[in-house]
C-alpha atoms as a PDB file:
ATOM      1  CA  MET A   1     150.039 254.949  32.676  1.00  0.00           C
ATOM      2  CA  TYR A   2     150.472 258.440  33.996  1.00  0.00           C
ATOM      3  CA  PRO A   3     151.476 260.987  31.319  1.00  0.00           C
ATOM      4  CA  ASN A   4     155.006 262.344  31.731  1.00  0.00           C
ATOM      5  CA  ARG A   5     157.855 263.948  29.821  1.00  0.00           C
ATOM      6  CA  VAL A   6     160.249 260.990  29.781  1.00  0.00           C
ATOM      7  CA  ALA A   7     161.721 260.977  26.277  1.00  0.00           C
ATOM      8  CA  LEU A   8     160.481 257.507  25.338  1.00  0.00           C
ATOM      9  CA  SER A   9     157.432 256.448  23.390  1.00  0.00           C
ATOM     10  CA  ASP A  10     154.379 255.382  25.385  1.00  0.00           C
ATOM     11  CA  GLU A  11     154.794 251.877  23.992  1.00  0.00           C
ATOM     12  CA  ILE A  12     158.383 251.610  25.234  1.00  0.00           C
ATOM     13  CA  LYS A  13     157.448 253.044  28.630  1.00  0.00           C
ATOM     14  CA  SER A  14     154.568 250.577  28.945  1.00  0.00           C
ATOM     15  CA  GLN A  15     156.792 247.603  28.095  1.00  0.00           C
ATOM     16  CA  VAL A  16     159.525 248.709  30.501  1.00  0.00           C
ATOM     17  CA  VAL A  17     156.970 249.290  33.265  1.00  0.00           C
ATOM     18  CA  GLY A  18     155.767 245.704  32.763  1.00  0.00           C
ATOM     19  CA  VAL A  19     159.290 244.372  33.279  1.00  0.00           C
ATOM     20  CA  LEU A  20     159.765 246.634  36.296  1.00  0.00           C
ATOM     21  CA  GLN A  21     156.505 245.346  37.813  1.00  0.00           C
ATOM     22  CA  GLU A  22     157.861 241.794  37.594  1.00  0.00           C
ATOM     23  CA  ARG A  23     161.100 242.831  39.281  1.00  0.00           C
ATOM     24  CA  LEU A  24     159.224 244.742  41.986  1.00  0.00           C
ATOM     25  CA  ALA A  25     157.108 241.673  42.746  1.00  0.00           C
ATOM     26  CA  GLU A  26     160.168 239.447  42.951  1.00  0.00           C
ATOM     27  CA  ALA A  27     162.138 241.928  45.075  1.00  0.00           C
ATOM     28  CA  THR A  28     159.237 242.133  47.521  1.00  0.00           C
ATOM     29  CA  ASP A  29     158.921 238.340  47.566  1.00  0.00           C
ATOM     30  CA  MET A  30     162.693 237.871  47.959  1.00  0.00           C
ATOM     31  CA  HIS A  31     162.740 240.320  50.868  1.00  0.00           C
ATOM     32  CA  SER A  32     159.984 238.396  52.634  1.00  0.00           C
ATOM     33  CA  GLN A  33     161.747 235.068  52.041  1.00  0.00           C
ATOM     34  CA  ALA A  34     164.971 236.404  53.552  1.00  0.00           C
ATOM     35  CA  LYS A  35     163.026 237.694  56.566  1.00  0.00           C
ATOM     36  CA  PHE A  36     161.327 234.301  56.907  1.00  0.00           C
ATOM     37  CA  ALA A  37     164.746 232.614  57.078  1.00  0.00           C
ATOM     38  CA  HIS A  38     165.958 235.298  59.515  1.00  0.00           C
ATOM     39  CA  TRP A  39     162.999 234.758  61.843  1.00  0.00           C
ATOM     40  CA  ASN A  40     162.890 230.966  61.704  1.00  0.00           C
ATOM     41  CA  VAL A  41     166.473 229.665  61.572  1.00  0.00           C
ATOM     42  CA  LYS A  42     167.343 227.257  64.400  1.00  0.00           C
ATOM     43  CA  GLY A  43     170.253 225.088  65.423  1.00  0.00           C
ATOM     44  CA  VAL A  44     173.999 225.282  64.999  1.00  0.00           C
ATOM     45  CA  ASN A  45     175.270 228.694  63.890  1.00  0.00           C
ATOM     46  CA  PHE A  46     171.840 230.188  64.589  1.00  0.00           C
ATOM     47  CA  TYR A  47     173.123 233.641  65.479  1.00  0.00           C
ATOM     48  CA  GLN A  48     175.544 233.987  62.562  1.00  0.00           C
ATOM     49  CA  LEU A  49     172.919 232.839  60.050  1.00  0.00           C
ATOM     50  CA  HIS A  50     170.306 235.052  61.684  1.00  0.00           C
ATOM     51  CA  LEU A  51     172.600 238.031  60.949  1.00  0.00           C
ATOM     52  CA  VAL A  52     173.365 236.906  57.387  1.00  0.00           C
ATOM     53  CA  PHE A  53     169.698 236.460  56.528  1.00  0.00           C
ATOM     54  CA  ASP A  54     168.870 239.857  57.988  1.00  0.00           C
ATOM     55  CA  HIS A  55     171.643 241.417  55.884  1.00  0.00           C
ATOM     56  CA  VAL A  56     170.228 239.826  52.731  1.00  0.00           C
ATOM     57  CA  ALA A  57     166.771 241.174  53.617  1.00  0.00           C
ATOM     58  CA  LYS A  58     168.201 244.670  54.152  1.00  0.00           C
ATOM     59  CA  VAL A  59     170.018 244.627  50.809  1.00  0.00           C
ATOM     60  CA  ILE A  60     166.909 243.484  48.945  1.00  0.00           C
ATOM     61  CA  GLY A  61     164.851 246.004  50.885  1.00  0.00           C
ATOM     62  CA  LYS A  62     167.156 248.764  49.623  1.00  0.00           C
ATOM     63  CA  GLN A  63     166.499 247.630  46.044  1.00  0.00           C
ATOM     64  CA  ILE A  64     162.700 247.698  46.325  1.00  0.00           C
ATOM     65  CA  ASP A  65     162.287 251.468  46.589  1.00  0.00           C
ATOM     66  CA  PRO A  66     164.500 252.372  43.609  1.00  0.00           C
ATOM     67  CA  ILE A  67     162.733 249.783  41.426  1.00  0.00           C
ATOM     68  CA  ALA A  68     159.319 251.175  42.425  1.00  0.00           C
ATOM     69  CA  GLU A  69     160.473 254.758  41.906  1.00  0.00           C
ATOM     70  CA  ARG A  70     161.906 253.991  38.462  1.00  0.00           C
ATOM     71  CA  LEU A  71     158.598 252.384  37.554  1.00  0.00           C
ATOM     72  CA  THR A  72     156.608 255.435  38.629  1.00  0.00           C
ATOM     73  CA  GLN A  73     159.034 257.832  36.901  1.00  0.00           C
ATOM     74  CA  LEU A  74     158.093 256.128  33.652  1.00  0.00           C
ATOM     75  CA  GLY A  75     154.390 256.629  34.379  1.00  0.00           C
ATOM     76  CA  GLY A  76     153.461 253.309  35.950  1.00  0.00           C
ATOM     77  CA  VAL A  77     151.796 252.525  39.262  1.00  0.00           C
ATOM     78  CA  ALA A  78     154.044 250.538  41.590  1.00  0.00           C
ATOM     79  CA  ASN A  79     152.132 247.374  42.510  1.00  0.00           C
ATOM     80  CA  GLY A  80     154.088 246.756  45.672  1.00  0.00           C
ATOM     81  CA  THR A  81     151.761 245.221  48.222  1.00  0.00           C
ATOM     82  CA  ILE A  82     152.510 241.753  49.557  1.00  0.00           C
ATOM     83  CA  ARG A  83     149.399 240.388  47.829  1.00  0.00           C
ATOM     84  CA  GLN A  84     150.445 241.926  44.513  1.00  0.00           C
ATOM     85  CA  ALA A  85     153.945 240.510  44.944  1.00  0.00           C
ATOM     86  CA  ALA A  86     152.572 237.038  45.625  1.00  0.00           C
ATOM     87  CA  ILE A  87     150.634 237.143  42.374  1.00  0.00           C
ATOM     88  CA  GLY A  88     153.474 238.609  40.305  1.00  0.00           C
ATOM     89  CA  SER A  89     156.534 236.743  41.588  1.00  0.00           C
ATOM     90  CA  LYS A  90     157.923 233.716  39.790  1.00  0.00           C
ATOM     91  CA  ILE A  91     160.360 232.886  42.576  1.00  0.00           C
ATOM     92  CA  PRO A  92     159.438 229.446  43.935  1.00  0.00           C
ATOM     93  CA  GLU A  93     157.651 229.385  47.276  1.00  0.00           C
ATOM     94  CA  TYR A  94     160.000 229.219  50.239  1.00  0.00           C
ATOM     95  CA  PRO A  95     159.971 225.779  51.912  1.00  0.00           C
ATOM     96  CA  VAL A  96     158.259 226.946  55.096  1.00  0.00           C
ATOM     97  CA  GLU A  97     158.908 223.653  56.888  1.00  0.00           C
ATOM     98  CA  THR A  98     162.651 224.466  56.910  1.00  0.00           C
ATOM     99  CA  ILE A  99     164.229 224.689  60.364  1.00  0.00           C
ATOM    100  CA  ASN A 100     167.895 223.678  60.125  1.00  0.00           C
ATOM    101  CA  GLY A 101     170.362 226.467  59.402  1.00  0.00           C
ATOM    102  CA  MET A 102     172.038 224.924  56.368  1.00  0.00           C
ATOM    103  CA  ASP A 103     168.666 224.027  54.875  1.00  0.00           C
ATOM    104  CA  HIS A 104     167.740 227.709  55.156  1.00  0.00           C
ATOM    105  CA  VAL A 105     171.048 228.643  53.508  1.00  0.00           C
ATOM    106  CA  ARG A 106     170.320 226.336  50.569  1.00  0.00           C
ATOM    107  CA  ALA A 107     166.712 227.517  50.226  1.00  0.00           C
ATOM    108  CA  LEU A 108     167.677 231.179  50.347  1.00  0.00           C
ATOM    109  CA  ALA A 109     170.621 230.673  47.974  1.00  0.00           C
ATOM    110  CA  ASP A 110     168.295 228.977  45.469  1.00  0.00           C
ATOM    111  CA  ALA A 111     165.798 231.836  45.733  1.00  0.00           C
ATOM    112  CA  LEU A 112     168.585 234.415  45.352  1.00  0.00           C
ATOM    113  CA  ALA A 113     169.866 232.651  42.239  1.00  0.00           C
ATOM    114  CA  HIS A 114     166.396 232.918  40.714  1.00  0.00           C
ATOM    115  CA  TYR A 115     166.101 236.557  41.788  1.00  0.00           C
ATOM    116  CA  CYS A 116     169.493 237.503  40.319  1.00  0.00           C
ATOM    117  CA  GLN A 117     168.768 235.686  37.070  1.00  0.00           C
ATOM    118  CA  GLY A 118     165.570 237.714  36.807  1.00  0.00           C
ATOM    119  CA  MET A 119     167.555 240.927  37.269  1.00  0.00           C
ATOM    120  CA  ARG A 120     169.944 239.971  34.465  1.00  0.00           C
ATOM    121  CA  GLU A 121     167.077 239.042  32.163  1.00  0.00           C
ATOM    122  CA  ALA A 122     165.320 242.318  32.969  1.00  0.00           C
ATOM    123  CA  SER A 123     168.422 244.291  32.060  1.00  0.00           C
ATOM    124  CA  GLU A 124     168.758 242.490  28.734  1.00  0.00           C
ATOM    125  CA  LYS A 125     165.042 242.717  27.918  1.00  0.00           C
ATOM    126  CA  ILE A 126     164.847 246.422  28.744  1.00  0.00           C
ATOM    127  CA  ASP A 127     167.938 247.079  26.644  1.00  0.00           C
ATOM    128  CA  ASP A 128     166.247 245.269  23.736  1.00  0.00           C
ATOM    129  CA  ILE A 129     163.071 247.336  24.281  1.00  0.00           C
ATOM    130  CA  GLY A 130     165.132 250.510  23.934  1.00  0.00           C
ATOM    131  CA  ASP A 131     165.573 252.024  27.407  1.00  0.00           C
ATOM    132  CA  GLU A 132     169.315 251.912  28.011  1.00  0.00           C
ATOM    133  CA  PRO A 133     169.259 253.985  31.239  1.00  0.00           C
ATOM    134  CA  THR A 134     166.842 251.542  32.897  1.00  0.00           C
ATOM    135  CA  SER A 135     168.918 248.626  31.623  1.00  0.00           C
ATOM    136  CA  ASP A 136     171.968 250.274  33.224  1.00  0.00           C
ATOM    137  CA  PHE A 137     169.943 250.773  36.423  1.00  0.00           C
ATOM    138  CA  PHE A 138     169.524 246.990  36.670  1.00  0.00           C
ATOM    139  CA  ASN A 139     173.179 246.393  35.868  1.00  0.00           C
ATOM    140  CA  GLU A 140     174.042 248.579  38.858  1.00  0.00           C
ATOM    141  CA  LEU A 141     171.777 246.517  41.105  1.00  0.00           C
ATOM    142  CA  ILE A 142     173.454 243.367  39.809  1.00  0.00           C
ATOM    143  CA  VAL A 143     177.093 244.418  40.299  1.00  0.00           C
ATOM    144  CA  GLU A 144     177.058 246.990  43.122  1.00  0.00           C
ATOM    145  CA  PRO A 145     180.183 245.913  45.044  1.00  0.00           C
ATOM    146  CA  LYS A 146     178.891 245.209  48.563  1.00  0.00           C
ATOM    147  CA  ASN A 147     175.318 244.226  47.912  1.00  0.00           C
ATOM    148  CA  SER A 148     175.179 242.484  44.611  1.00  0.00           C
ATOM    149  CA  CYS A 149     173.960 239.362  42.954  1.00  0.00           C
ATOM    150  CA  ILE A 150     177.579 238.608  42.135  1.00  0.00           C
ATOM    151  CA  SER A 151     178.547 238.395  45.805  1.00  0.00           C
ATOM    152  CA  TRP A 152     175.500 236.250  46.619  1.00  0.00           C
ATOM    153  CA  ASN A 153     176.550 233.646  44.080  1.00  0.00           C
ATOM    154  CA  ARG A 154     179.222 232.593  46.566  1.00  0.00           C
ATOM    155  CA  ILE A 155     176.599 231.428  49.088  1.00  0.00           C
END
């Protein structure tokens, strides 16, 4: 942990950084899964699904940087390489044999459900640890109107 002037105890910062590391790993993994679907979808509705999957990847991609920056603001080191994400993510492996468009939709929707559940749990856990601003930060990622976990639940 890098020393800083954030008005939290080192113990709280360390615990919150641990939760943020998990979320960073899963955001990086989720982004790569959405890109995999985007690159590999075939069949009926290819083009429309190609665009949807790319949009999901862009939204997740926009969440990665703020998560990493919040983590470093608290004194942590953002473990954001693909290899680090693979080790740290609990999102199930994407079924790489998937080709059909609707199979990709189901696989990505399942992964997004796991990702969003992790965001909710992170918010609750961080609130229990005692860092309300970081808990609120996750709530914003969850409910942001255009790009939120709430809207993805309709997939």
